[in-house]
Amino acid sequence: MRLVDHEGVDWIDMDDETLKQGTVHALEHIARCATIGEPDWIADARNFLPASPPIEFRHFAAEDEADAWQWLGATPLSPAAPAAT
């Protein structure tokens, strides 16, 4: 998943069961997660996971996006796709 200009999430109204299901789904399907640019929200993401999640996280500077894709072993589907609104 690629988030562009992500400004955060308001978790206050999120149902606890939805959060649990999302956490289980992430643990079953995500092996690596790269954040690129600012802010670095890795610490926030880890708050929803067990103490020692099997997910590797790594932060990259915005100018190092190509390195992030290489670390993930992936390529963007559309490198010049506009941000979703």
C-alpha atoms as a PDB file:
ATOM      1  CA  MET A   1       0.000   0.000   0.000  1.00  0.00           C
ATOM      2  CA  ARG A   2       1.315   3.426  -0.839  1.00  0.00           C
ATOM      3  CA  LEU A   3       0.093   6.423   1.138  1.00  0.00           C
ATOM      4  CA  VAL A   4       0.848   9.874  -0.219  1.00  0.00           C
ATOM      5  CA  ASP A   5       0.611  12.995   1.953  1.00  0.00           C
ATOM      6  CA  HIS A   6      -0.802  10.885   4.795  1.00  0.00           C
ATOM      7  CA  GLU A   7      -1.716  13.137   7.708  1.00  0.00           C
ATOM      8  CA  GLY A   8      -2.687  10.444  10.176  1.00  0.00           C
ATOM      9  CA  VAL A   9      -5.810   8.656  11.304  1.00  0.00           C
ATOM     10  CA  ASP A  10      -8.376   9.585  13.928  1.00  0.00           C
ATOM     11  CA  TRP A  11      -8.683   6.273  15.784  1.00  0.00           C
ATOM     12  CA  ILE A  12     -11.147   7.534  18.416  1.00  0.00           C
ATOM     13  CA  ASP A  13     -14.272   6.228  16.650  1.00  0.00           C
ATOM     14  CA  MET A  14     -12.703   2.999  15.383  1.00  0.00           C
ATOM     15  CA  ASP A  15     -14.418  -0.128  16.709  1.00  0.00           C
ATOM     16  CA  ASP A  16     -12.149  -2.336  18.849  1.00  0.00           C
ATOM     17  CA  GLU A  17     -13.166  -5.443  16.881  1.00  0.00           C
ATOM     18  CA  THR A  18     -12.217  -3.724  13.607  1.00  0.00           C
ATOM     19  CA  LEU A  19      -8.796  -2.864  15.043  1.00  0.00           C
ATOM     20  CA  LYS A  20      -8.279  -6.470  16.170  1.00  0.00           C
ATOM     21  CA  GLN A  21      -9.244  -7.825  12.754  1.00  0.00           C
ATOM     22  CA  GLY A  22      -6.928  -5.346  11.023  1.00  0.00           C
ATOM     23  CA  THR A  23      -4.043  -6.318  13.286  1.00  0.00           C
ATOM     24  CA  VAL A  24      -4.550 -10.042  12.632  1.00  0.00           C
ATOM     25  CA  HIS A  25      -4.776  -9.401   8.889  1.00  0.00           C
ATOM     26  CA  ALA A  26      -1.557  -7.348   8.933  1.00  0.00           C
ATOM     27  CA  LEU A  27       0.320 -10.012  10.888  1.00  0.00           C
ATOM     28  CA  GLU A  28      -0.795 -12.684   8.409  1.00  0.00           C
ATOM     29  CA  HIS A  29       0.071 -10.768   5.244  1.00  0.00           C
ATOM     30  CA  ILE A  30       2.790  -8.171   5.830  1.00  0.00           C
ATOM     31  CA  ALA A  31       6.467  -9.094   6.177  1.00  0.00           C
ATOM     32  CA  ARG A  32       8.061  -5.673   5.594  1.00  0.00           C
ATOM     33  CA  CYS A  33       6.794  -2.123   5.844  1.00  0.00           C
ATOM     34  CA  ALA A  34       8.716   0.924   4.632  1.00  0.00           C
ATOM     35  CA  THR A  35       7.839   4.495   5.519  1.00  0.00           C
ATOM     36  CA  ILE A  36       9.171   7.198   3.248  1.00  0.00           C
ATOM     37  CA  GLY A  37       9.504  10.881   4.037  1.00  0.00           C
ATOM     38  CA  GLU A  38       8.007  12.643   6.986  1.00  0.00           C
ATOM     39  CA  PRO A  39       6.457  12.034   9.322  1.00  0.00           C
ATOM     40  CA  ASP A  40       7.980   8.715  10.304  1.00  0.00           C
ATOM     41  CA  TRP A  41       4.916   6.943  11.746  1.00  0.00           C
ATOM     42  CA  ILE A  42       6.557   3.565  12.433  1.00  0.00           C
ATOM     43  CA  ALA A  43       6.216   3.984  16.214  1.00  0.00           C
ATOM     44  CA  ASP A  44       2.475   4.642  15.814  1.00  0.00           C
ATOM     45  CA  ALA A  45       2.033   1.550  13.634  1.00  0.00           C
ATOM     46  CA  ARG A  46       3.867  -0.610  16.154  1.00  0.00           C
ATOM     47  CA  ASN A  47       1.431   0.458  18.892  1.00  0.00           C
ATOM     48  CA  PHE A  48      -1.230  -1.725  17.239  1.00  0.00           C
ATOM     49  CA  LEU A  49       0.964  -4.816  17.027  1.00  0.00           C
ATOM     50  CA  PRO A  50       2.299  -7.303  19.592  1.00  0.00           C
ATOM     51  CA  ALA A  51       5.525  -6.382  21.389  1.00  0.00           C
ATOM     52  CA  SER A  52       7.698  -8.343  18.924  1.00  0.00           C
ATOM     53  CA  PRO A  53       5.819  -8.282  15.621  1.00  0.00           C
ATOM     54  CA  PRO A  54       7.071 -10.479  12.769  1.00  0.00           C
ATOM     55  CA  ILE A  55       6.968  -7.382  10.549  1.00  0.00           C
ATOM     56  CA  GLU A  56      10.189  -5.545   9.674  1.00  0.00           C
ATOM     57  CA  PHE A  57       9.847  -1.754   9.626  1.00  0.00           C
ATOM     58  CA  ARG A  58      12.284   0.697   8.109  1.00  0.00           C
ATOM     59  CA  HIS A  59      12.126   4.442   7.474  1.00  0.00           C
ATOM     60  CA  PHE A  60      13.617   6.110   4.391  1.00  0.00           C
ATOM     61  CA  ALA A  61      14.107   9.768   3.514  1.00  0.00           C
ATOM     62  CA  ALA A  62      11.871  11.010   0.694  1.00  0.00           C
ATOM     63  CA  GLU A  63      14.791  11.166  -1.713  1.00  0.00           C
ATOM     64  CA  ASP A  64      15.565   7.501  -0.974  1.00  0.00           C
ATOM     65  CA  GLU A  65      12.234   6.096  -2.187  1.00  0.00           C
ATOM     66  CA  ALA A  66      13.980   3.887  -4.772  1.00  0.00           C
ATOM     67  CA  ASP A  67      16.009   2.315  -1.946  1.00  0.00           C
ATOM     68  CA  ALA A  68      12.783   1.629  -0.041  1.00  0.00           C
ATOM     69  CA  TRP A  69      11.266  -0.186  -3.008  1.00  0.00           C
ATOM     70  CA  GLN A  70      14.452  -2.223  -3.386  1.00  0.00           C
ATOM     71  CA  TRP A  71      14.424  -3.125   0.342  1.00  0.00           C
ATOM     72  CA  LEU A  72      10.803  -4.238  -0.015  1.00  0.00           C
ATOM     73  CA  GLY A  73      11.672  -6.292  -3.093  1.00  0.00           C
ATOM     74  CA  ALA A  74       8.834  -4.587  -4.953  1.00  0.00           C
ATOM     75  CA  THR A  75       8.101  -1.951  -7.546  1.00  0.00           C
ATOM     76  CA  PRO A  76       5.332   0.644  -7.576  1.00  0.00           C
ATOM     77  CA  LEU A  77       2.414  -0.225  -9.839  1.00  0.00           C
ATOM     78  CA  SER A  78       2.290   3.341 -11.127  1.00  0.00           C
ATOM     79  CA  PRO A  79       5.245   5.519 -10.097  1.00  0.00           C
ATOM     80  CA  ALA A  80       3.572   8.756 -11.154  1.00  0.00           C
ATOM     81  CA  ALA A  81       0.061   8.028  -9.869  1.00  0.00           C
ATOM     82  CA  PRO A  82      -1.703  11.063  -8.412  1.00  0.00           C
ATOM     83  CA  ALA A  83      -2.588  11.091  -4.717  1.00  0.00           C
ATOM     84  CA  ALA A  84      -6.065   9.801  -3.873  1.00  0.00           C
ATOM     85  CA  THR A  85      -8.459  12.314  -2.449  1.00  0.00           C
END
